[in-house]
N, C-alpha and C. Protein backbone atom coordinates (compact mmCIF):
# COMPACT_ATOMS: atom_id res chain seq x y z
N MET A 1 38.21 -18.64 7.02
CA MET A 1 38.01 -17.21 7.21
C MET A 1 36.55 -16.88 6.92
N THR A 2 35.90 -16.20 7.84
CA THR A 2 34.51 -15.80 7.63
C THR A 2 34.45 -14.33 7.32
N ARG A 3 33.47 -13.98 6.55
CA ARG A 3 33.28 -12.57 6.18
C ARG A 3 32.01 -12.09 6.83
N ASP A 4 31.96 -10.80 7.10
CA ASP A 4 30.69 -10.28 7.63
C ASP A 4 29.72 -10.06 6.47
N ALA A 5 28.44 -9.90 6.81
CA ALA A 5 27.37 -9.80 5.81
C ALA A 5 27.60 -8.64 4.84
N SER A 6 28.17 -7.54 5.33
CA SER A 6 28.37 -6.38 4.45
C SER A 6 29.36 -6.69 3.33
N ALA A 7 30.32 -7.57 3.59
CA ALA A 7 31.27 -7.94 2.54
C ALA A 7 30.56 -8.68 1.41
N PHE A 8 29.58 -9.51 1.76
CA PHE A 8 28.83 -10.24 0.74
C PHE A 8 27.93 -9.31 -0.06
N ARG A 9 27.41 -8.27 0.58
CA ARG A 9 26.55 -7.31 -0.14
C ARG A 9 27.33 -6.58 -1.23
N GLN A 10 28.63 -6.48 -1.07
CA GLN A 10 29.46 -5.78 -2.05
C GLN A 10 29.87 -6.68 -3.22
N MET A 11 29.68 -7.98 -3.07
CA MET A 11 30.15 -8.93 -4.08
C MET A 11 29.22 -8.97 -5.29
N THR A 12 29.77 -9.35 -6.42
CA THR A 12 28.97 -9.57 -7.62
C THR A 12 28.26 -10.92 -7.48
N ASP A 13 27.29 -11.16 -8.36
CA ASP A 13 26.62 -12.45 -8.35
C ASP A 13 27.61 -13.58 -8.61
N ALA A 14 28.58 -13.35 -9.48
CA ALA A 14 29.58 -14.38 -9.78
C ALA A 14 30.38 -14.72 -8.52
N GLY A 15 30.77 -13.71 -7.77
CA GLY A 15 31.50 -13.94 -6.52
C GLY A 15 30.66 -14.68 -5.49
N LEU A 16 29.39 -14.30 -5.41
CA LEU A 16 28.49 -14.99 -4.49
C LEU A 16 28.29 -16.45 -4.88
N LEU A 17 28.14 -16.71 -6.17
CA LEU A 17 28.00 -18.09 -6.63
C LEU A 17 29.23 -18.92 -6.29
N GLU A 18 30.39 -18.33 -6.49
CA GLU A 18 31.64 -19.03 -6.19
C GLU A 18 31.73 -19.34 -4.70
N ALA A 19 31.39 -18.35 -3.88
CA ALA A 19 31.43 -18.56 -2.42
C ALA A 19 30.39 -19.59 -1.99
N ALA A 20 29.18 -19.53 -2.59
CA ALA A 20 28.14 -20.49 -2.25
C ALA A 20 28.56 -21.90 -2.67
N ALA A 21 29.24 -22.03 -3.82
CA ALA A 21 29.73 -23.33 -4.26
C ALA A 21 30.78 -23.87 -3.29
N GLY A 22 31.47 -22.95 -2.61
CA GLY A 22 32.44 -23.34 -1.59
C GLY A 22 31.80 -23.63 -0.25
N GLY A 23 30.48 -23.54 -0.18
CA GLY A 23 29.77 -23.89 1.05
C GLY A 23 29.38 -22.72 1.93
N SER A 24 29.53 -21.50 1.46
CA SER A 24 29.20 -20.33 2.28
C SER A 24 27.69 -20.11 2.36
N HIS A 25 27.16 -20.30 3.56
CA HIS A 25 25.73 -20.05 3.79
C HIS A 25 25.42 -18.56 3.68
N ALA A 26 26.35 -17.73 4.14
CA ALA A 26 26.14 -16.28 4.10
C ALA A 26 26.08 -15.77 2.65
N ALA A 27 26.90 -16.33 1.78
CA ALA A 27 26.87 -15.93 0.37
C ALA A 27 25.55 -16.35 -0.26
N PHE A 28 25.09 -17.55 0.07
CA PHE A 28 23.82 -18.00 -0.48
C PHE A 28 22.67 -17.16 0.07
N ALA A 29 22.74 -16.79 1.34
CA ALA A 29 21.71 -15.93 1.93
C ALA A 29 21.65 -14.59 1.20
N GLU A 30 22.79 -14.07 0.78
CA GLU A 30 22.82 -12.82 0.03
C GLU A 30 22.20 -13.00 -1.35
N ILE A 31 22.42 -14.16 -1.98
CA ILE A 31 21.78 -14.45 -3.28
C ILE A 31 20.27 -14.42 -3.11
N VAL A 32 19.78 -15.08 -2.06
CA VAL A 32 18.34 -15.11 -1.79
C VAL A 32 17.83 -13.69 -1.53
N GLU A 33 18.54 -12.95 -0.70
CA GLU A 33 18.13 -11.57 -0.38
C GLU A 33 18.05 -10.71 -1.65
N ARG A 34 18.98 -10.90 -2.53
CA ARG A 34 19.09 -10.09 -3.74
C ARG A 34 18.05 -10.47 -4.80
N HIS A 35 17.70 -11.75 -4.90
CA HIS A 35 16.91 -12.20 -6.05
C HIS A 35 15.54 -12.81 -5.73
N PHE A 36 15.22 -13.01 -4.45
CA PHE A 36 13.97 -13.71 -4.16
C PHE A 36 12.74 -12.93 -4.60
N GLN A 37 12.68 -11.65 -4.31
CA GLN A 37 11.46 -10.88 -4.62
C GLN A 37 11.11 -10.87 -6.11
N PRO A 38 12.06 -10.62 -7.02
CA PRO A 38 11.69 -10.67 -8.45
C PRO A 38 11.23 -12.05 -8.89
N VAL A 39 11.87 -13.10 -8.37
CA VAL A 39 11.47 -14.46 -8.74
C VAL A 39 10.08 -14.75 -8.20
N TYR A 40 9.83 -14.36 -6.95
CA TYR A 40 8.51 -14.56 -6.34
C TYR A 40 7.42 -13.80 -7.11
N ARG A 41 7.70 -12.54 -7.48
CA ARG A 41 6.70 -11.75 -8.21
C ARG A 41 6.36 -12.41 -9.54
N LEU A 42 7.38 -12.93 -10.24
CA LEU A 42 7.15 -13.62 -11.50
C LEU A 42 6.24 -14.83 -11.29
N VAL A 43 6.56 -15.65 -10.30
CA VAL A 43 5.76 -16.84 -10.01
C VAL A 43 4.34 -16.44 -9.61
N TRP A 44 4.23 -15.42 -8.78
CA TRP A 44 2.91 -14.96 -8.32
C TRP A 44 2.06 -14.53 -9.52
N ARG A 45 2.65 -13.79 -10.43
CA ARG A 45 1.92 -13.36 -11.63
C ARG A 45 1.54 -14.56 -12.50
N MET A 46 2.47 -15.47 -12.68
CA MET A 46 2.19 -16.62 -13.54
C MET A 46 1.14 -17.56 -12.96
N THR A 47 1.07 -17.62 -11.62
CA THR A 47 0.09 -18.50 -10.99
C THR A 47 -1.20 -17.79 -10.67
N GLY A 48 -1.29 -16.50 -11.01
CA GLY A 48 -2.50 -15.75 -10.68
C GLY A 48 -2.64 -15.51 -9.20
N GLY A 49 -1.52 -15.42 -8.50
CA GLY A 49 -1.54 -15.13 -7.07
C GLY A 49 -1.85 -16.36 -6.22
N ALA A 50 -1.55 -17.52 -6.73
CA ALA A 50 -1.85 -18.75 -6.00
C ALA A 50 -1.05 -18.84 -4.70
N ALA A 51 -1.62 -19.53 -3.73
CA ALA A 51 -1.00 -19.65 -2.42
C ALA A 51 0.37 -20.33 -2.49
N GLU A 52 0.57 -21.21 -3.45
CA GLU A 52 1.85 -21.93 -3.53
C GLU A 52 2.95 -21.15 -4.25
N ALA A 53 2.71 -19.91 -4.60
CA ALA A 53 3.70 -19.12 -5.33
C ALA A 53 5.03 -19.03 -4.57
N GLU A 54 4.96 -18.82 -3.27
CA GLU A 54 6.19 -18.71 -2.48
C GLU A 54 6.95 -20.04 -2.47
N ASP A 55 6.23 -21.14 -2.35
CA ASP A 55 6.87 -22.46 -2.35
C ASP A 55 7.58 -22.72 -3.68
N ILE A 56 6.94 -22.36 -4.77
CA ILE A 56 7.53 -22.58 -6.09
C ILE A 56 8.79 -21.73 -6.25
N ALA A 57 8.72 -20.47 -5.81
CA ALA A 57 9.90 -19.60 -5.89
C ALA A 57 11.03 -20.16 -5.04
N GLN A 58 10.71 -20.64 -3.86
CA GLN A 58 11.74 -21.21 -2.98
C GLN A 58 12.40 -22.43 -3.60
N GLU A 59 11.63 -23.22 -4.34
CA GLU A 59 12.19 -24.42 -4.97
C GLU A 59 13.32 -24.07 -5.94
N ALA A 60 13.21 -22.94 -6.63
CA ALA A 60 14.29 -22.53 -7.54
C ALA A 60 15.57 -22.29 -6.75
N PHE A 61 15.45 -21.69 -5.58
CA PHE A 61 16.62 -21.42 -4.75
C PHE A 61 17.17 -22.71 -4.15
N VAL A 62 16.29 -23.64 -3.80
CA VAL A 62 16.74 -24.93 -3.28
C VAL A 62 17.55 -25.66 -4.35
N LYS A 63 17.06 -25.62 -5.58
CA LYS A 63 17.78 -26.26 -6.68
C LYS A 63 19.17 -25.65 -6.83
N LEU A 64 19.27 -24.33 -6.71
CA LEU A 64 20.57 -23.67 -6.79
C LEU A 64 21.44 -24.06 -5.61
N TRP A 65 20.88 -24.10 -4.40
CA TRP A 65 21.64 -24.43 -3.20
C TRP A 65 22.24 -25.83 -3.31
N LYS A 66 21.46 -26.76 -3.88
CA LYS A 66 21.94 -28.14 -3.98
C LYS A 66 23.14 -28.26 -4.90
N ASN A 67 23.24 -27.37 -5.88
CA ASN A 67 24.35 -27.43 -6.82
C ASN A 67 24.63 -26.05 -7.42
N PRO A 68 25.24 -25.15 -6.63
CA PRO A 68 25.49 -23.80 -7.14
C PRO A 68 26.47 -23.76 -8.31
N SER A 69 27.31 -24.78 -8.44
CA SER A 69 28.29 -24.77 -9.53
C SER A 69 27.66 -25.13 -10.87
N GLN A 70 26.35 -25.52 -10.88
CA GLN A 70 25.69 -25.82 -12.15
C GLN A 70 25.52 -24.56 -13.00
N LEU A 71 25.58 -23.42 -12.35
CA LEU A 71 25.46 -22.15 -13.06
C LEU A 71 26.85 -21.58 -13.22
N ARG A 72 27.31 -21.49 -14.44
CA ARG A 72 28.70 -21.11 -14.68
C ARG A 72 28.91 -19.59 -14.72
N GLU A 73 27.89 -18.84 -15.04
CA GLU A 73 28.07 -17.41 -15.23
C GLU A 73 27.19 -16.63 -14.25
N GLY A 74 27.82 -15.84 -13.40
CA GLY A 74 27.09 -15.07 -12.39
C GLY A 74 26.12 -14.07 -12.99
N ALA A 75 26.44 -13.53 -14.15
CA ALA A 75 25.57 -12.54 -14.78
C ALA A 75 24.23 -13.16 -15.18
N ALA A 76 24.19 -14.47 -15.30
CA ALA A 76 22.96 -15.16 -15.72
C ALA A 76 22.13 -15.63 -14.53
N LEU A 77 22.54 -15.30 -13.30
CA LEU A 77 21.89 -15.84 -12.11
C LEU A 77 20.40 -15.54 -12.04
N ARG A 78 20.03 -14.27 -12.13
CA ARG A 78 18.60 -13.92 -12.01
C ARG A 78 17.78 -14.58 -13.12
N GLY A 79 18.28 -14.54 -14.33
CA GLY A 79 17.57 -15.17 -15.44
C GLY A 79 17.42 -16.67 -15.23
N TRP A 80 18.48 -17.31 -14.71
CA TRP A 80 18.42 -18.75 -14.45
C TRP A 80 17.36 -19.06 -13.40
N LEU A 81 17.35 -18.29 -12.31
CA LEU A 81 16.36 -18.50 -11.25
C LEU A 81 14.93 -18.30 -11.78
N MET A 82 14.75 -17.26 -12.59
CA MET A 82 13.42 -17.01 -13.17
C MET A 82 13.01 -18.13 -14.12
N ARG A 83 13.95 -18.64 -14.88
CA ARG A 83 13.65 -19.72 -15.81
C ARG A 83 13.26 -20.99 -15.05
N VAL A 84 14.02 -21.34 -14.00
CA VAL A 84 13.72 -22.53 -13.22
C VAL A 84 12.34 -22.40 -12.56
N ALA A 85 12.07 -21.23 -11.98
CA ALA A 85 10.79 -21.02 -11.29
C ALA A 85 9.62 -21.02 -12.28
N SER A 86 9.78 -20.33 -13.41
CA SER A 86 8.67 -20.28 -14.37
C SER A 86 8.44 -21.63 -15.03
N ASN A 87 9.51 -22.41 -15.23
CA ASN A 87 9.33 -23.76 -15.76
C ASN A 87 8.57 -24.63 -14.75
N ALA A 88 8.83 -24.43 -13.46
CA ALA A 88 8.11 -25.18 -12.43
C ALA A 88 6.62 -24.82 -12.46
N VAL A 89 6.32 -23.54 -12.70
CA VAL A 89 4.91 -23.13 -12.80
C VAL A 89 4.26 -23.81 -14.00
N ILE A 90 4.94 -23.78 -15.12
CA ILE A 90 4.39 -24.39 -16.34
C ILE A 90 4.21 -25.89 -16.15
N ASP A 91 5.21 -26.55 -15.56
CA ASP A 91 5.09 -27.99 -15.31
C ASP A 91 3.94 -28.27 -14.35
N GLY A 92 3.80 -27.45 -13.32
CA GLY A 92 2.73 -27.63 -12.34
C GLY A 92 1.36 -27.39 -12.92
N SER A 93 1.26 -26.50 -13.90
CA SER A 93 -0.05 -26.20 -14.49
C SER A 93 -0.55 -27.35 -15.37
N ARG A 94 0.37 -28.23 -15.75
CA ARG A 94 -0.02 -29.37 -16.58
C ARG A 94 -0.59 -30.52 -15.74
N LYS A 95 -0.34 -30.45 -14.42
CA LYS A 95 -0.82 -31.50 -13.53
C LYS A 95 -2.18 -31.10 -12.96
N PRO A 96 -3.11 -32.05 -12.86
CA PRO A 96 -4.38 -31.70 -12.22
C PRO A 96 -4.15 -31.43 -10.74
N ARG A 97 -4.86 -30.43 -10.21
CA ARG A 97 -4.69 -30.14 -8.79
C ARG A 97 -6.05 -30.05 -8.12
N ALA A 98 -6.02 -30.30 -6.85
CA ALA A 98 -7.26 -30.21 -6.07
C ALA A 98 -7.68 -28.75 -6.00
N GLY A 99 -8.96 -28.52 -5.90
CA GLY A 99 -9.47 -27.15 -5.82
C GLY A 99 -8.94 -26.43 -4.59
N ALA A 100 -8.49 -25.23 -4.78
CA ALA A 100 -7.99 -24.41 -3.67
C ALA A 100 -9.07 -23.43 -3.25
N ILE A 101 -8.92 -22.90 -2.07
CA ILE A 101 -9.90 -21.95 -1.55
C ILE A 101 -9.98 -20.72 -2.45
N GLU A 102 -8.84 -20.37 -3.11
CA GLU A 102 -8.84 -19.21 -4.00
C GLU A 102 -9.71 -19.43 -5.22
N ASP A 103 -9.99 -20.70 -5.54
CA ASP A 103 -10.79 -21.01 -6.72
C ASP A 103 -12.28 -20.84 -6.50
N VAL A 104 -12.68 -20.71 -5.24
CA VAL A 104 -14.10 -20.55 -4.92
C VAL A 104 -14.47 -19.09 -5.14
N PRO A 105 -15.44 -18.80 -6.00
CA PRO A 105 -15.79 -17.41 -6.25
C PRO A 105 -16.43 -16.77 -5.01
N GLU A 106 -16.19 -15.47 -4.86
CA GLU A 106 -16.81 -14.74 -3.77
C GLU A 106 -18.28 -14.53 -4.09
N PRO A 107 -19.13 -14.59 -3.07
CA PRO A 107 -20.55 -14.36 -3.33
C PRO A 107 -20.76 -12.91 -3.77
N PRO A 108 -21.75 -12.66 -4.61
CA PRO A 108 -21.99 -11.29 -5.04
C PRO A 108 -22.47 -10.42 -3.88
N ASP A 109 -22.09 -9.16 -3.93
CA ASP A 109 -22.51 -8.20 -2.91
C ASP A 109 -23.94 -7.79 -3.21
N PRO A 110 -24.88 -8.08 -2.29
CA PRO A 110 -26.28 -7.73 -2.56
C PRO A 110 -26.52 -6.22 -2.62
N MET A 111 -25.62 -5.43 -2.07
CA MET A 111 -25.78 -3.97 -2.05
C MET A 111 -25.16 -3.30 -3.28
N ALA A 112 -24.43 -4.07 -4.07
CA ALA A 112 -23.76 -3.48 -5.24
C ALA A 112 -24.77 -3.19 -6.34
N ARG A 113 -24.61 -2.02 -6.93
CA ARG A 113 -25.46 -1.66 -8.07
C ARG A 113 -24.82 -2.23 -9.34
N PRO A 114 -25.61 -2.84 -10.21
CA PRO A 114 -25.01 -3.40 -11.42
C PRO A 114 -24.43 -2.35 -12.35
N ASP A 115 -24.89 -1.11 -12.27
CA ASP A 115 -24.38 -0.08 -13.17
C ASP A 115 -23.26 0.75 -12.54
N ALA A 116 -22.86 0.42 -11.30
CA ALA A 116 -21.81 1.18 -10.62
C ALA A 116 -20.45 0.79 -11.18
N PRO A 117 -19.53 1.76 -11.29
CA PRO A 117 -18.19 1.41 -11.77
C PRO A 117 -17.49 0.50 -10.76
N LEU A 118 -16.56 -0.28 -11.25
CA LEU A 118 -15.79 -1.16 -10.39
C LEU A 118 -14.85 -0.36 -9.51
N ASP A 119 -14.64 -0.81 -8.26
CA ASP A 119 -13.62 -0.14 -7.46
C ASP A 119 -12.26 -0.69 -7.88
N ARG A 120 -11.21 -0.10 -7.35
CA ARG A 120 -9.85 -0.46 -7.76
C ARG A 120 -9.58 -1.95 -7.50
N ALA A 121 -10.00 -2.47 -6.36
CA ALA A 121 -9.76 -3.88 -6.04
C ALA A 121 -10.51 -4.79 -7.01
N GLN A 122 -11.74 -4.44 -7.34
CA GLN A 122 -12.50 -5.24 -8.30
C GLN A 122 -11.84 -5.21 -9.67
N ALA A 123 -11.40 -4.03 -10.06
CA ALA A 123 -10.74 -3.89 -11.36
C ALA A 123 -9.47 -4.73 -11.39
N GLN A 124 -8.69 -4.69 -10.30
CA GLN A 124 -7.45 -5.47 -10.24
C GLN A 124 -7.75 -6.97 -10.31
N ARG A 125 -8.78 -7.42 -9.61
CA ARG A 125 -9.15 -8.85 -9.65
C ARG A 125 -9.56 -9.26 -11.06
N LEU A 126 -10.29 -8.37 -11.74
CA LEU A 126 -10.74 -8.67 -13.10
C LEU A 126 -9.54 -8.79 -14.05
N VAL A 127 -8.60 -7.87 -13.93
CA VAL A 127 -7.40 -7.91 -14.78
C VAL A 127 -6.55 -9.14 -14.42
N ASP A 128 -6.38 -9.40 -13.13
CA ASP A 128 -5.60 -10.57 -12.71
C ASP A 128 -6.21 -11.86 -13.23
N ALA A 129 -7.54 -11.95 -13.19
CA ALA A 129 -8.22 -13.15 -13.69
C ALA A 129 -8.01 -13.30 -15.20
N ALA A 130 -8.05 -12.19 -15.92
CA ALA A 130 -7.82 -12.24 -17.37
C ALA A 130 -6.39 -12.67 -17.67
N ILE A 131 -5.43 -12.18 -16.89
CA ILE A 131 -4.03 -12.59 -17.08
C ILE A 131 -3.87 -14.06 -16.74
N ALA A 132 -4.50 -14.51 -15.66
CA ALA A 132 -4.39 -15.91 -15.24
C ALA A 132 -4.97 -16.86 -16.28
N ALA A 133 -5.90 -16.39 -17.09
CA ALA A 133 -6.54 -17.23 -18.11
C ALA A 133 -5.67 -17.37 -19.37
N LEU A 134 -4.62 -16.57 -19.47
CA LEU A 134 -3.74 -16.65 -20.64
C LEU A 134 -2.97 -17.97 -20.63
N PRO A 135 -2.55 -18.45 -21.79
CA PRO A 135 -1.67 -19.63 -21.83
C PRO A 135 -0.36 -19.34 -21.07
N ASP A 136 0.26 -20.39 -20.55
CA ASP A 136 1.45 -20.26 -19.70
C ASP A 136 2.54 -19.38 -20.30
N ARG A 137 2.91 -19.63 -21.53
CA ARG A 137 4.03 -18.89 -22.13
C ARG A 137 3.69 -17.42 -22.34
N GLN A 138 2.44 -17.11 -22.69
CA GLN A 138 2.03 -15.71 -22.82
C GLN A 138 2.09 -15.02 -21.46
N ARG A 139 1.61 -15.71 -20.43
CA ARG A 139 1.62 -15.16 -19.07
C ARG A 139 3.06 -14.93 -18.62
N GLN A 140 3.94 -15.87 -18.95
CA GLN A 140 5.35 -15.74 -18.58
C GLN A 140 5.98 -14.53 -19.26
N ALA A 141 5.78 -14.39 -20.55
CA ALA A 141 6.35 -13.25 -21.29
C ALA A 141 5.81 -11.93 -20.74
N LEU A 142 4.51 -11.88 -20.49
CA LEU A 142 3.88 -10.67 -19.96
C LEU A 142 4.46 -10.30 -18.59
N ALA A 143 4.60 -11.31 -17.72
CA ALA A 143 5.14 -11.05 -16.38
C ALA A 143 6.59 -10.57 -16.44
N LEU A 144 7.38 -11.19 -17.29
CA LEU A 144 8.80 -10.80 -17.39
C LEU A 144 8.97 -9.38 -17.92
N VAL A 145 8.24 -9.06 -18.98
CA VAL A 145 8.46 -7.76 -19.64
C VAL A 145 7.71 -6.63 -18.93
N TYR A 146 6.41 -6.82 -18.67
CA TYR A 146 5.63 -5.71 -18.15
C TYR A 146 5.67 -5.57 -16.63
N PHE A 147 5.85 -6.67 -15.92
CA PHE A 147 5.84 -6.57 -14.46
C PHE A 147 7.23 -6.59 -13.86
N GLU A 148 8.17 -7.30 -14.48
CA GLU A 148 9.53 -7.34 -13.96
C GLU A 148 10.46 -6.38 -14.69
N GLY A 149 10.00 -5.78 -15.77
CA GLY A 149 10.77 -4.76 -16.46
C GLY A 149 11.94 -5.27 -17.27
N LEU A 150 11.93 -6.56 -17.61
CA LEU A 150 13.00 -7.08 -18.46
C LEU A 150 12.78 -6.62 -19.89
N SER A 151 13.86 -6.46 -20.61
CA SER A 151 13.75 -6.15 -22.03
C SER A 151 13.30 -7.41 -22.75
N ASN A 152 12.87 -7.25 -23.99
CA ASN A 152 12.48 -8.43 -24.78
C ASN A 152 13.65 -9.38 -24.95
N ILE A 153 14.85 -8.84 -25.06
CA ILE A 153 16.04 -9.67 -25.22
C ILE A 153 16.30 -10.46 -23.94
N GLU A 154 16.19 -9.79 -22.77
CA GLU A 154 16.38 -10.49 -21.50
C GLU A 154 15.30 -11.55 -21.28
N ALA A 155 14.06 -11.21 -21.60
CA ALA A 155 12.97 -12.18 -21.46
C ALA A 155 13.19 -13.39 -22.36
N ALA A 156 13.69 -13.14 -23.56
CA ALA A 156 13.98 -14.25 -24.47
C ALA A 156 15.03 -15.18 -23.88
N GLY A 157 16.02 -14.59 -23.21
CA GLY A 157 17.05 -15.40 -22.56
C GLY A 157 16.48 -16.25 -21.44
N VAL A 158 15.62 -15.66 -20.62
CA VAL A 158 15.00 -16.40 -19.53
C VAL A 158 14.13 -17.53 -20.08
N MET A 159 13.38 -17.23 -21.12
CA MET A 159 12.44 -18.21 -21.67
C MET A 159 13.10 -19.19 -22.65
N GLU A 160 14.35 -18.90 -23.00
CA GLU A 160 15.09 -19.72 -23.95
C GLU A 160 14.38 -19.82 -25.30
N VAL A 161 13.92 -18.66 -25.78
CA VAL A 161 13.29 -18.55 -27.09
C VAL A 161 13.89 -17.34 -27.80
N SER A 162 13.53 -17.14 -29.04
CA SER A 162 14.03 -15.98 -29.78
C SER A 162 13.28 -14.72 -29.35
N VAL A 163 13.87 -13.58 -29.66
CA VAL A 163 13.22 -12.29 -29.36
C VAL A 163 11.92 -12.19 -30.15
N ASP A 164 11.92 -12.67 -31.39
CA ASP A 164 10.69 -12.67 -32.19
C ASP A 164 9.58 -13.48 -31.51
N ALA A 165 9.96 -14.59 -30.90
CA ALA A 165 8.96 -15.42 -30.20
C ALA A 165 8.38 -14.66 -29.01
N VAL A 166 9.23 -13.95 -28.26
CA VAL A 166 8.74 -13.16 -27.13
C VAL A 166 7.78 -12.09 -27.62
N GLU A 167 8.17 -11.38 -28.68
CA GLU A 167 7.31 -10.33 -29.23
C GLU A 167 5.98 -10.90 -29.69
N SER A 168 5.99 -12.07 -30.29
CA SER A 168 4.76 -12.73 -30.73
C SER A 168 3.89 -13.11 -29.53
N LEU A 169 4.52 -13.66 -28.48
CA LEU A 169 3.77 -14.02 -27.28
C LEU A 169 3.14 -12.78 -26.63
N LEU A 170 3.89 -11.70 -26.58
CA LEU A 170 3.36 -10.45 -26.00
C LEU A 170 2.20 -9.92 -26.83
N ALA A 171 2.33 -9.95 -28.14
CA ALA A 171 1.26 -9.45 -29.01
C ALA A 171 -0.01 -10.28 -28.82
N ARG A 172 0.16 -11.60 -28.76
CA ARG A 172 -1.02 -12.47 -28.56
C ARG A 172 -1.63 -12.24 -27.18
N ALA A 173 -0.78 -12.04 -26.16
CA ALA A 173 -1.29 -11.79 -24.81
C ALA A 173 -2.08 -10.49 -24.76
N ARG A 174 -1.53 -9.44 -25.37
CA ARG A 174 -2.24 -8.15 -25.39
C ARG A 174 -3.57 -8.27 -26.12
N ARG A 175 -3.57 -8.98 -27.25
CA ARG A 175 -4.79 -9.17 -28.02
C ARG A 175 -5.83 -9.96 -27.20
N SER A 176 -5.40 -11.01 -26.52
CA SER A 176 -6.32 -11.81 -25.70
C SER A 176 -6.88 -10.99 -24.55
N LEU A 177 -6.03 -10.19 -23.91
CA LEU A 177 -6.50 -9.36 -22.80
C LEU A 177 -7.49 -8.32 -23.29
N LYS A 178 -7.19 -7.74 -24.43
CA LYS A 178 -8.10 -6.73 -25.00
C LYS A 178 -9.46 -7.35 -25.28
N GLU A 179 -9.46 -8.55 -25.85
CA GLU A 179 -10.73 -9.23 -26.15
C GLU A 179 -11.47 -9.63 -24.88
N SER A 180 -10.75 -10.20 -23.90
CA SER A 180 -11.42 -10.68 -22.70
C SER A 180 -11.91 -9.56 -21.80
N LEU A 181 -11.27 -8.40 -21.87
CA LEU A 181 -11.67 -7.28 -21.02
C LEU A 181 -12.49 -6.23 -21.77
N SER A 182 -12.79 -6.48 -23.04
CA SER A 182 -13.47 -5.46 -23.85
C SER A 182 -14.84 -5.10 -23.29
N ALA A 183 -15.57 -6.05 -22.74
CA ALA A 183 -16.91 -5.76 -22.23
C ALA A 183 -16.85 -4.91 -20.96
N GLU A 184 -15.75 -5.02 -20.21
CA GLU A 184 -15.66 -4.32 -18.92
C GLU A 184 -14.79 -3.07 -18.97
N TRP A 185 -14.26 -2.70 -20.13
CA TRP A 185 -13.26 -1.64 -20.13
C TRP A 185 -13.78 -0.32 -19.59
N ARG A 186 -15.02 0.02 -19.87
CA ARG A 186 -15.56 1.28 -19.33
C ARG A 186 -15.62 1.23 -17.80
N ASP A 187 -16.06 0.09 -17.26
CA ASP A 187 -16.11 -0.05 -15.81
C ASP A 187 -14.71 -0.02 -15.21
N LEU A 188 -13.76 -0.64 -15.88
CA LEU A 188 -12.38 -0.64 -15.40
C LEU A 188 -11.84 0.79 -15.31
N ILE A 189 -12.01 1.53 -16.39
CA ILE A 189 -11.52 2.91 -16.43
C ILE A 189 -12.27 3.76 -15.40
N GLY A 190 -13.59 3.59 -15.33
CA GLY A 190 -14.39 4.36 -14.38
C GLY A 190 -13.99 4.07 -12.95
N GLY A 191 -13.77 2.79 -12.63
CA GLY A 191 -13.40 2.41 -11.28
C GLY A 191 -12.03 2.95 -10.91
N LEU A 192 -11.11 2.92 -11.83
CA LEU A 192 -9.77 3.44 -11.56
C LEU A 192 -9.81 4.95 -11.44
N ALA A 193 -10.62 5.62 -12.23
CA ALA A 193 -10.72 7.08 -12.16
C ALA A 193 -11.36 7.50 -10.83
N GLU A 194 -12.37 6.76 -10.38
CA GLU A 194 -13.05 7.08 -9.12
C GLU A 194 -12.07 7.00 -7.95
N THR A 195 -11.23 5.96 -7.93
CA THR A 195 -10.32 5.78 -6.80
C THR A 195 -9.10 6.67 -6.90
N GLY A 196 -8.83 7.20 -8.08
CA GLY A 196 -7.65 8.04 -8.27
C GLY A 196 -7.85 9.47 -7.82
N ARG A 197 -9.07 9.84 -7.45
CA ARG A 197 -9.33 11.23 -7.06
C ARG A 197 -8.81 11.55 -5.69
């Protein structure tokens, strides 16, 4: 018996996992539809927007597709996918990689005034670079809590650490960002205020 796509949209994650374990491609497609964007955003943040972010996110879903019954509780699906993807990022960051085109700095704009405030795009690149420079676990905690909106308790579950550990990672990340961006904070605020008008 086949179900139409709307029937799968009404199912819980647990029901989708059960159907996917039974071989339903449509149920698995609904899992991907429901959870790919948050997993991708987490990977993108953790990799600093690297080109391979989509591939890494997809690998988490491939791992689930190969054995959907490995996950026993449907309520844990999103957290499990985020954990698998973020662990892949951390594992990948430990391996040396060839230089990517994104690693090549842009040439300075000869028309830019050194005392001019940063525009919004420049400010975003500066903040993204500061986040990318954080240690893996700090970047992971920051992405889960501040960008994906998970509570500290949910982030702790994804990261498989205590809530105190998440809070410590967040505090260290905020402190590092404050220190690394302290010289540019006036330009950051000025650039954001200029574009907000």
